[in-house]
C-alpha atoms as a PDB file:
ATOM      1  CA  MET A   1      -0.179   0.171   0.332  1.00  0.00           C
ATOM      2  CA  PHE A   2       2.747   2.506   0.896  1.00  0.00           C
ATOM      3  CA  SER A   3       4.500   1.905  -2.325  1.00  0.00           C
ATOM      4  CA  ASP A   4       1.392   2.473  -4.468  1.00  0.00           C
ATOM      5  CA  PHE A   5       1.025   5.459  -2.563  1.00  0.00           C
ATOM      6  CA  ARG A   6       4.653   6.466  -2.820  1.00  0.00           C
ATOM      7  CA  SER A   7       4.415   5.717  -6.735  1.00  0.00           C
ATOM      8  CA  LEU A   8       1.549   7.453  -7.359  1.00  0.00           C
ATOM      9  CA  VAL A   9       3.211  10.785  -5.197  1.00  0.00           C
ATOM     10  CA  VAL A  10       6.295  10.589  -7.462  1.00  0.00           C
ATOM     11  CA  ARG A  11       4.545  10.461 -10.441  1.00  0.00           C
ATOM     12  CA  THR A  12       2.409  13.152 -10.084  1.00  0.00           C
ATOM     13  CA  ALA A  13       4.990  15.729  -8.652  1.00  0.00           C
ATOM     14  CA  MET A  14       8.074  14.534  -9.360  1.00  0.00           C
ATOM     15  CA  PRO A  15       8.174  15.264 -13.417  1.00  0.00           C
ATOM     16  CA  MET A  16       6.829  19.552 -12.464  1.00  0.00           C
ATOM     17  CA  LYS A  17       9.315  20.260  -9.729  1.00  0.00           C
ATOM     18  CA  TRP A  18      12.661  18.628 -11.545  1.00  0.00           C
ATOM     19  CA  LYS A  19      11.588  20.738 -14.822  1.00  0.00           C
ATOM     20  CA  SER A  20      10.348  23.923 -12.715  1.00  0.00           C
ATOM     21  CA  ASP A  21      13.362  23.440 -10.411  1.00  0.00           C
ATOM     22  CA  PRO A  22      16.976  22.171 -11.401  1.00  0.00           C
ATOM     23  CA  GLN A  23      18.145  23.237  -8.134  1.00  0.00           C
ATOM     24  CA  HIS A  24      15.907  21.101  -6.579  1.00  0.00           C
ATOM     25  CA  ALA A  25      16.264  18.281  -8.590  1.00  0.00           C
ATOM     26  CA  ALA A  26      20.149  18.480  -8.253  1.00  0.00           C
ATOM     27  CA  ARG A  27      20.151  17.979  -4.422  1.00  0.00           C
ATOM     28  CA  ALA A  28      17.628  15.216  -4.699  1.00  0.00           C
ATOM     29  CA  LEU A  29      20.331  13.654  -7.239  1.00  0.00           C
ATOM     30  CA  LYS A  30      23.166  14.808  -4.647  1.00  0.00           C
ATOM     31  CA  ARG A  31      20.944  12.459  -1.979  1.00  0.00           C
ATOM     32  CA  PHE A  32      20.542   9.509  -3.888  1.00  0.00           C
ATOM     33  CA  GLY A  33      24.635   9.523  -4.744  1.00  0.00           C
ATOM     34  CA  ASP A  34      24.950   9.999  -0.904  1.00  0.00           C
ATOM     35  CA  VAL A  35      22.730   7.046  -0.255  1.00  0.00           C
ATOM     36  CA  GLU A  36      24.545   4.830  -2.871  1.00  0.00           C
ATOM     37  CA  ALA A  37      27.755   5.618  -1.540  1.00  0.00           C
ATOM     38  CA  ASP A  38      26.459   4.890   2.095  1.00  0.00           C
ATOM     39  CA  SER A  39      25.234   1.661   0.415  1.00  0.00           C
ATOM     40  CA  GLY A  40      28.983   1.186  -0.449  1.00  0.00           C
ATOM     41  CA  TRP A  41      30.159   1.553   3.227  1.00  0.00           C
ATOM     42  CA  GLN A  42      28.001  -0.531   4.425  1.00  0.00           C
ATOM     43  CA  TYR A  43      29.221  -3.459   2.337  1.00  0.00           C
ATOM     44  CA  LEU A  44      32.651  -2.450   3.021  1.00  0.00           C
ATOM     45  CA  GLN A  45      32.387  -2.643   6.907  1.00  0.00           C
ATOM     46  CA  ALA A  46      30.757  -6.164   6.224  1.00  0.00           C
ATOM     47  CA  ILE A  47      34.003  -7.493   4.299  1.00  0.00           C
ATOM     48  CA  ARG A  48      35.569  -7.232   7.598  1.00  0.00           C
ATOM     49  CA  VAL A  49      33.704  -9.771   9.742  1.00  0.00           C
ATOM     50  CA  ALA A  50      32.615 -11.927   6.711  1.00  0.00           C
ATOM     51  CA  VAL A  51      34.299 -15.428   6.522  1.00  0.00           C
ATOM     52  CA  ASP A  52      33.439 -17.320   3.258  1.00  0.00           C
ATOM     53  CA  PRO A  53      35.494 -16.183   0.598  1.00  0.00           C
ATOM     54  CA  ASP A  54      32.647 -16.285  -1.918  1.00  0.00           C
ATOM     55  CA  LEU A  55      30.827 -14.271   0.285  1.00  0.00           C
ATOM     56  CA  ARG A  56      33.393 -11.691   0.530  1.00  0.00           C
ATOM     57  CA  ARG A  57      33.894 -11.090  -3.148  1.00  0.00           C
ATOM     58  CA  MET A  58      30.326 -10.948  -3.558  1.00  0.00           C
ATOM     59  CA  LEU A  59      30.452  -7.787  -0.673  1.00  0.00           C
ATOM     60  CA  PHE A  60      33.838  -6.646  -2.723  1.00  0.00           C
ATOM     61  CA  GLU A  61      31.709  -6.089  -6.487  1.00  0.00           C
ATOM     62  CA  ASN A  62      28.802  -4.530  -4.394  1.00  0.00           C
ATOM     63  CA  VAL A  63      31.164  -2.084  -3.001  1.00  0.00           C
ATOM     64  CA  VAL A  64      32.985  -0.996  -6.081  1.00  0.00           C
ATOM     65  CA  GLU A  65      28.946  -1.244  -8.041  1.00  0.00           C
ATOM     66  CA  GLU A  66      27.651   0.957  -5.077  1.00  0.00           C
ATOM     67  CA  PHE A  67      30.490   3.826  -5.601  1.00  0.00           C
ATOM     68  CA  LYS A  68      30.033   3.388  -9.290  1.00  0.00           C
ATOM     69  CA  HIS A  69      26.415   4.570  -8.675  1.00  0.00           C
ATOM     70  CA  ALA A  70      27.079   7.128  -6.286  1.00  0.00           C
ATOM     71  CA  GLY A  71      29.600   8.867  -8.806  1.00  0.00           C
ATOM     72  CA  TYR A  72      26.961   9.043 -11.739  1.00  0.00           C
ATOM     73  CA  PHE A  73      24.268  10.845  -9.464  1.00  0.00           C
ATOM     74  CA  HIS A  74      26.838  13.133  -8.323  1.00  0.00           C
ATOM     75  CA  GLN A  75      28.006  13.992 -11.778  1.00  0.00           C
ATOM     76  CA  ALA A  76      24.243  14.487 -12.757  1.00  0.00           C
ATOM     77  CA  ALA A  77      23.479  16.847  -9.625  1.00  0.00           C
ATOM     78  CA  HIS A  78      26.411  18.922 -10.476  1.00  0.00           C
ATOM     79  CA  THR A  79      25.049  19.305 -14.225  1.00  0.00           C
ATOM     80  CA  LEU A  80      21.946  20.199 -13.410  1.00  0.00           C
ATOM     81  CA  ALA A  81      22.765  22.559 -10.803  1.00  0.00           C
ATOM     82  CA  THR A  82      22.227  26.363 -10.695  1.00  0.00           C
ATOM     83  CA  GLY A  83      23.759  26.826  -7.058  1.00  0.00           C
ATOM     84  CA  ARG A  84      25.772  25.442  -4.462  1.00  0.00           C
ATOM     85  CA  ILE A  85      24.683  21.686  -3.469  1.00  0.00           C
ATOM     86  CA  ARG A  86      26.272  20.001  -0.729  1.00  0.00           C
ATOM     87  CA  SER A  87      25.373  16.459   1.601  1.00  0.00           C
ATOM     88  CA  ALA A  88      23.225  16.524   4.476  1.00  0.00           C
ATOM     89  CA  ASP A  89      25.285  16.763   7.850  1.00  0.00           C
ATOM     90  CA  GLU A  90      23.575  13.236   8.860  1.00  0.00           C
ATOM     91  CA  PRO A  91      25.150  10.732  11.555  1.00  0.00           C
ATOM     92  CA  ARG A  92      25.984   6.886   9.622  1.00  0.00           C
ATOM     93  CA  THR A  93      24.350   3.731  11.510  1.00  0.00           C
ATOM     94  CA  LEU A  94      26.339   0.927  11.197  1.00  0.00           C
ATOM     95  CA  LEU A  95      24.362  -2.421  10.057  1.00  0.00           C
ATOM     96  CA  ILE A  96      26.667  -4.847  10.830  1.00  0.00           C
ATOM     97  CA  LYS A  97      29.413  -5.386  13.406  1.00  0.00           C
ATOM     98  CA  ARG A  98      29.689  -8.812  14.418  1.00  0.00           C
ATOM     99  CA  PRO A  99      29.715 -12.122  12.129  1.00  0.00           C
ATOM    100  CA  GLU A 100      26.581 -12.709  14.051  1.00  0.00           C
ATOM    101  CA  ASP A 101      25.083  -9.788  12.509  1.00  0.00           C
ATOM    102  CA  MET A 102      25.788 -11.100   8.673  1.00  0.00           C
ATOM    103  CA  CYS A 103      22.355 -12.875   8.531  1.00  0.00           C
ATOM    104  CA  ASP A 104      19.989  -9.958   9.192  1.00  0.00           C
ATOM    105  CA  PHE A 105      22.642  -7.429   7.322  1.00  0.00           C
ATOM    106  CA  LEU A 106      22.111  -9.755   4.346  1.00  0.00           C
ATOM    107  CA  ALA A 107      18.109  -9.762   4.452  1.00  0.00           C
ATOM    108  CA  PHE A 108      17.908  -5.967   4.641  1.00  0.00           C
ATOM    109  CA  ALA A 109      20.190  -5.570   1.632  1.00  0.00           C
ATOM    110  CA  HIS A 110      17.958  -8.179   0.211  1.00  0.00           C
ATOM    111  CA  VAL A 111      14.796  -6.009   0.778  1.00  0.00           C
ATOM    112  CA  SER A 112      16.734  -2.578  -0.005  1.00  0.00           C
ATOM    113  CA  GLU A 113      17.744  -3.815  -3.737  1.00  0.00           C
ATOM    114  CA  LYS A 114      14.517  -5.295  -4.117  1.00  0.00           C
ATOM    115  CA  ALA A 115      12.854  -1.769  -3.246  1.00  0.00           C
ATOM    116  CA  ILE A 116      15.620  -0.061  -5.237  1.00  0.00           C
ATOM    117  CA  HIS A 117      14.966  -1.967  -8.382  1.00  0.00           C
ATOM    118  CA  SER A 118      10.955  -0.850  -8.716  1.00  0.00           C
ATOM    119  CA  GLN A 119      11.303   2.724  -6.739  1.00  0.00           C
ATOM    120  CA  PHE A 120      14.159   3.485  -9.541  1.00  0.00           C
ATOM    121  CA  ASP A 121      11.796   2.095 -12.371  1.00  0.00           C
ATOM    122  CA  VAL A 122       9.771   4.469 -10.968  1.00  0.00           C
ATOM    123  CA  TYR A 123      11.712   7.586 -11.348  1.00  0.00           C
ATOM    124  CA  ALA A 124      13.421   6.705 -14.631  1.00  0.00           C
ATOM    125  CA  ALA A 125       9.544   7.052 -16.331  1.00  0.00           C
ATOM    126  CA  ALA A 126       8.961  10.443 -14.111  1.00  0.00           C
ATOM    127  CA  CYS A 127      11.660  12.595 -13.652  1.00  0.00           C
ATOM    128  CA  GLY A 128      11.425  13.588 -17.529  1.00  0.00           C
ATOM    129  CA  ILE A 129      15.130  14.603 -17.939  1.00  0.00           C
ATOM    130  CA  PRO A 130      16.037  11.434 -20.388  1.00  0.00           C
ATOM    131  CA  ALA A 131      20.115  11.721 -19.067  1.00  0.00           C
ATOM    132  CA  VAL A 132      18.901  10.914 -15.488  1.00  0.00           C
ATOM    133  CA  SER A 133      16.466   8.502 -16.656  1.00  0.00           C
ATOM    134  CA  GLU A 134      18.978   6.399 -18.211  1.00  0.00           C
ATOM    135  CA  ILE A 135      20.823   6.577 -14.859  1.00  0.00           C
ATOM    136  CA  PHE A 136      18.118   5.427 -13.415  1.00  0.00           C
ATOM    137  CA  LYS A 137      17.343   1.956 -15.623  1.00  0.00           C
ATOM    138  CA  ASN A 138      20.726   1.284 -15.410  1.00  0.00           C
ATOM    139  CA  ILE A 139      20.821   1.216 -11.991  1.00  0.00           C
ATOM    140  CA  SER A 140      17.979  -0.579 -11.670  1.00  0.00           C
ATOM    141  CA  VAL A 141      18.886  -3.206 -13.365  1.00  0.00           C
ATOM    142  CA  GLU A 142      22.027  -4.057 -11.709  1.00  0.00           C
ATOM    143  CA  GLU A 143      20.326  -3.651  -8.520  1.00  0.00           C
ATOM    144  CA  SER A 144      18.294  -6.616  -9.663  1.00  0.00           C
ATOM    145  CA  GLY A 145      21.163  -8.690  -9.717  1.00  0.00           C
ATOM    146  CA  HIS A 146      22.209  -7.518  -6.142  1.00  0.00           C
ATOM    147  CA  GLU A 147      18.877  -8.471  -5.046  1.00  0.00           C
ATOM    148  CA  SER A 148      18.949 -12.259  -6.218  1.00  0.00           C
ATOM    149  CA  GLU A 149      22.722 -12.137  -5.030  1.00  0.00           C
ATOM    150  CA  ALA A 150      21.684 -11.152  -1.550  1.00  0.00           C
ATOM    151  CA  HIS A 151      19.559 -13.871  -1.246  1.00  0.00           C
ATOM    152  CA  SER A 152      21.565 -16.800  -2.465  1.00  0.00           C
ATOM    153  CA  HIS A 153      24.014 -16.020   0.444  1.00  0.00           C
ATOM    154  CA  LEU A 154      21.311 -15.400   2.908  1.00  0.00           C
ATOM    155  CA  LYS A 155      19.772 -18.710   2.796  1.00  0.00           C
ATOM    156  CA  ARG A 156      23.067 -20.120   3.237  1.00  0.00           C
ATOM    157  CA  ALA A 157      24.209 -17.881   6.341  1.00  0.00           C
ATOM    158  CA  ALA A 158      20.729 -18.393   7.824  1.00  0.00           C
ATOM    159  CA  GLY A 159      20.752 -22.026   7.474  1.00  0.00           C
ATOM    160  CA  SER A 160      17.308 -22.683   6.569  1.00  0.00           C
ATOM    161  CA  ASN A 161      14.627 -21.059   4.137  1.00  0.00           C
ATOM    162  CA  ARG A 162      12.476 -20.790   7.003  1.00  0.00           C
ATOM    163  CA  ALA A 163      15.152 -18.281   8.943  1.00  0.00           C
ATOM    164  CA  ALA A 164      15.949 -16.783   5.699  1.00  0.00           C
ATOM    165  CA  SER A 165      11.867 -16.019   5.419  1.00  0.00           C
ATOM    166  CA  LEU A 166      12.027 -14.613   8.872  1.00  0.00           C
ATOM    167  CA  ALA A 167      15.242 -12.678   8.786  1.00  0.00           C
ATOM    168  CA  VAL A 168      13.429 -10.934   5.307  1.00  0.00           C
ATOM    169  CA  TRP A 169      10.032 -10.362   7.047  1.00  0.00           C
ATOM    170  CA  LYS A 170      12.297  -8.757  10.085  1.00  0.00           C
ATOM    171  CA  ALA A 171      13.896  -6.386   7.434  1.00  0.00           C
ATOM    172  CA  ARG A 172      10.818  -5.476   5.529  1.00  0.00           C
ATOM    173  CA  PHE A 173       9.137  -4.615   8.919  1.00  0.00           C
ATOM    174  CA  LYS A 174      12.227  -2.347  10.007  1.00  0.00           C
ATOM    175  CA  ARG A 175      12.397  -0.675   6.454  1.00  0.00           C
ATOM    176  CA  GLY A 176       8.557  -0.031   6.516  1.00  0.00           C
ATOM    177  CA  VAL A 177       8.611   1.778   9.934  1.00  0.00           C
ATOM    178  CA  GLU A 178      12.035   3.732   8.647  1.00  0.00           C
ATOM    179  CA  ALA A 179       9.397   4.755   5.671  1.00  0.00           C
ATOM    180  CA  TRP A 180       6.168   5.963   7.308  1.00  0.00           C
ATOM    181  CA  LYS A 181       8.326   7.795  10.108  1.00  0.00           C
ATOM    182  CA  ARG A 182       9.757   9.836   6.933  1.00  0.00           C
ATOM    183  CA  LEU A 183       6.148  10.196   6.103  1.00  0.00           C
ATOM    184  CA  ALA A 184       5.388  11.364   9.337  1.00  0.00           C
ATOM    185  CA  GLU A 185       7.591  13.989  10.077  1.00  0.00           C
ATOM    186  CA  PRO A 186       5.877  16.536   7.057  1.00  0.00           C
ATOM    187  CA  VAL A 187       2.545  14.639   7.382  1.00  0.00           C
ATOM    188  CA  GLY A 188       2.476  15.460  10.867  1.00  0.00           C
ATOM    189  CA  GLY A 189       3.338  19.079  10.413  1.00  0.00           C
ATOM    190  CA  LEU A 190       0.186  19.473   8.215  1.00  0.00           C
ATOM    191  CA  MET A 191      -2.362  17.314  10.441  1.00  0.00           C
ATOM    192  CA  PHE A 192      -0.879  19.526  13.143  1.00  0.00           C
ATOM    193  CA  HIS A 193      -1.982  22.682  11.052  1.00  0.00           C
ATOM    194  CA  ALA A 194      -5.022  21.231   9.925  1.00  0.00           C
ATOM    195  CA  ILE A 195      -6.247  20.456  13.218  1.00  0.00           C
ATOM    196  CA  PHE A 196      -5.356  23.701  14.527  1.00  0.00           C
ATOM    197  CA  ALA A 197      -7.568  25.277  11.503  1.00  0.00           C
ATOM    198  CA  VAL A 198     -10.246  22.809  12.291  1.00  0.00           C
ATOM    199  CA  THR A 199     -10.489  23.816  16.164  1.00  0.00           C
ATOM    200  CA  PHE A 200     -10.270  27.540  15.509  1.00  0.00           C
ATOM    201  CA  LEU A 201     -13.274  27.842  12.761  1.00  0.00           C
ATOM    202  CA  VAL A 202     -15.513  25.317  15.146  1.00  0.00           C
ATOM    203  CA  LEU A 203     -14.463  26.930  18.644  1.00  0.00           C
ATOM    204  CA  GLY A 204     -13.843  30.670  17.722  1.00  0.00           C
ATOM    205  CA  PRO A 205     -17.246  31.520  17.344  1.00  0.00           C
ATOM    206  CA  LEU A 206     -18.112  29.632  20.465  1.00  0.00           C
ATOM    207  CA  LEU A 207     -15.181  31.352  22.509  1.00  0.00           C
ATOM    208  CA  LYS A 208     -16.692  34.671  20.953  1.00  0.00           C
ATOM    209  CA  GLN A 209     -19.832  33.882  22.148  1.00  0.00           C
ATOM    210  CA  ARG A 210     -18.553  33.046  25.602  1.00  0.00           C
ATOM    211  CA  GLU A 211     -16.740  36.310  26.000  1.00  0.00           C
ATOM    212  CA  LYS A 212     -19.480  38.547  25.120  1.00  0.00           C
ATOM    213  CA  ALA A 213     -21.666  36.959  27.718  1.00  0.00           C
ATOM    214  CA  SER A 214     -19.010  37.120  30.923  1.00  0.00           C
ATOM    215  CA  LEU A 215     -17.890  40.963  29.562  1.00  0.00           C
ATOM    216  CA  GLY A 216     -22.116  41.735  29.465  1.00  0.00           C
ATOM    217  CA  PRO A 217     -22.689  42.423  33.062  1.00  0.00           C
ATOM    218  CA  ILE A 218     -19.421  44.915  32.761  1.00  0.00           C
ATOM    219  CA  ILE A 219     -20.098  46.937  29.704  1.00  0.00           C
ATOM    220  CA  HIS A 220     -23.677  46.962  31.179  1.00  0.00           C
ATOM    221  CA  ARG A 221     -22.770  48.560  33.991  1.00  0.00           C
ATOM    222  CA  ALA A 222     -20.225  50.961  32.842  1.00  0.00           C
ATOM    223  CA  ASP A 223     -23.175  52.314  30.695  1.00  0.00           C
ATOM    224  CA  ARG A 224     -25.255  52.933  33.369  1.00  0.00           C
ATOM    225  CA  THR A 225     -22.391  55.265  34.851  1.00  0.00           C
ATOM    226  CA  ASN A 226     -22.046  57.183  31.661  1.00  0.00           C
ATOM    227  CA  GLU A 227     -25.488  57.630  31.654  1.00  0.00           C
ATOM    228  CA  ARG A 228     -25.335  59.004  35.269  1.00  0.00           C
ATOM    229  CA  SER A 229     -22.530  61.232  34.331  1.00  0.00           C
ATOM    230  CA  PRO A 230     -22.551  63.078  31.166  1.00  0.00           C
ATOM    231  CA  ALA A 231     -19.354  65.046  32.194  1.00  0.00           C
ATOM    232  CA  LEU A 232     -17.266  61.727  32.846  1.00  0.00           C
ATOM    233  CA  SER A 233     -18.801  60.422  29.945  1.00  0.00           C
ATOM    234  CA  SER A 234     -17.679  63.964  27.938  1.00  0.00           C
ATOM    235  CA  ALA A 235     -14.044  63.323  29.399  1.00  0.00           C
ATOM    236  CA  ILE A 236     -13.656  59.945  28.120  1.00  0.00           C
ATOM    237  CA  GLU A 237     -15.072  60.959  24.707  1.00  0.00           C
ATOM    238  CA  THR A 238     -13.130  63.988  24.312  1.00  0.00           C
ATOM    239  CA  PRO A 239      -9.284  63.917  24.263  1.00  0.00           C
ATOM    240  CA  ALA A 240      -7.598  66.614  26.499  1.00  0.00           C
ATOM    241  CA  LEU A 241      -6.101  69.370  24.635  1.00  0.00           C
END
């Protein structure tokens, strides 16, 4: 459901925004490149704890490819940029620290590569910039190879299909939570403003009536005082010269 909603938003908003604002497109491409570079760094950390030679080969090939993808995105970003762009200052989260983490890491890699494969196809169709569309298409094809290879190594590391399936389910749940958190931040702000506006429209008139009711006796007494004291009333209404 979330992926369908995301695809709809991308296909609707991306062409208009990227064509009208090249700097925004450049920042987005810079972010794509940063994510690819971080993936390469994560695979590099996984090599440090990997024992199986075939797994280490696969991880190293992924390191090289992820950094190559980062270069494609960064080059496209600087080509489109109309001003200065820079990477966001965000802390890195190390996904694998011990050999025991390898199963969860491979599951997360498998799920992530599968998601990227489908998302990049949508971006390629929606971005409206032929050169950038080619980048998305080419990377999507290469990521699909990562996806299948990561899954085969995952089954070997997990020891059984059931354990591998459980690890994949956990990885999907983790990605789902992260995706909803990213969505909740801007949507949460919109929801706050919407709730505030509705509250103001509904409660505003009621509060106004209540204030009138509470101030009524005071206003009535003031009117009676003015009626009894015309001089005082005149002094209040006419400023001293």
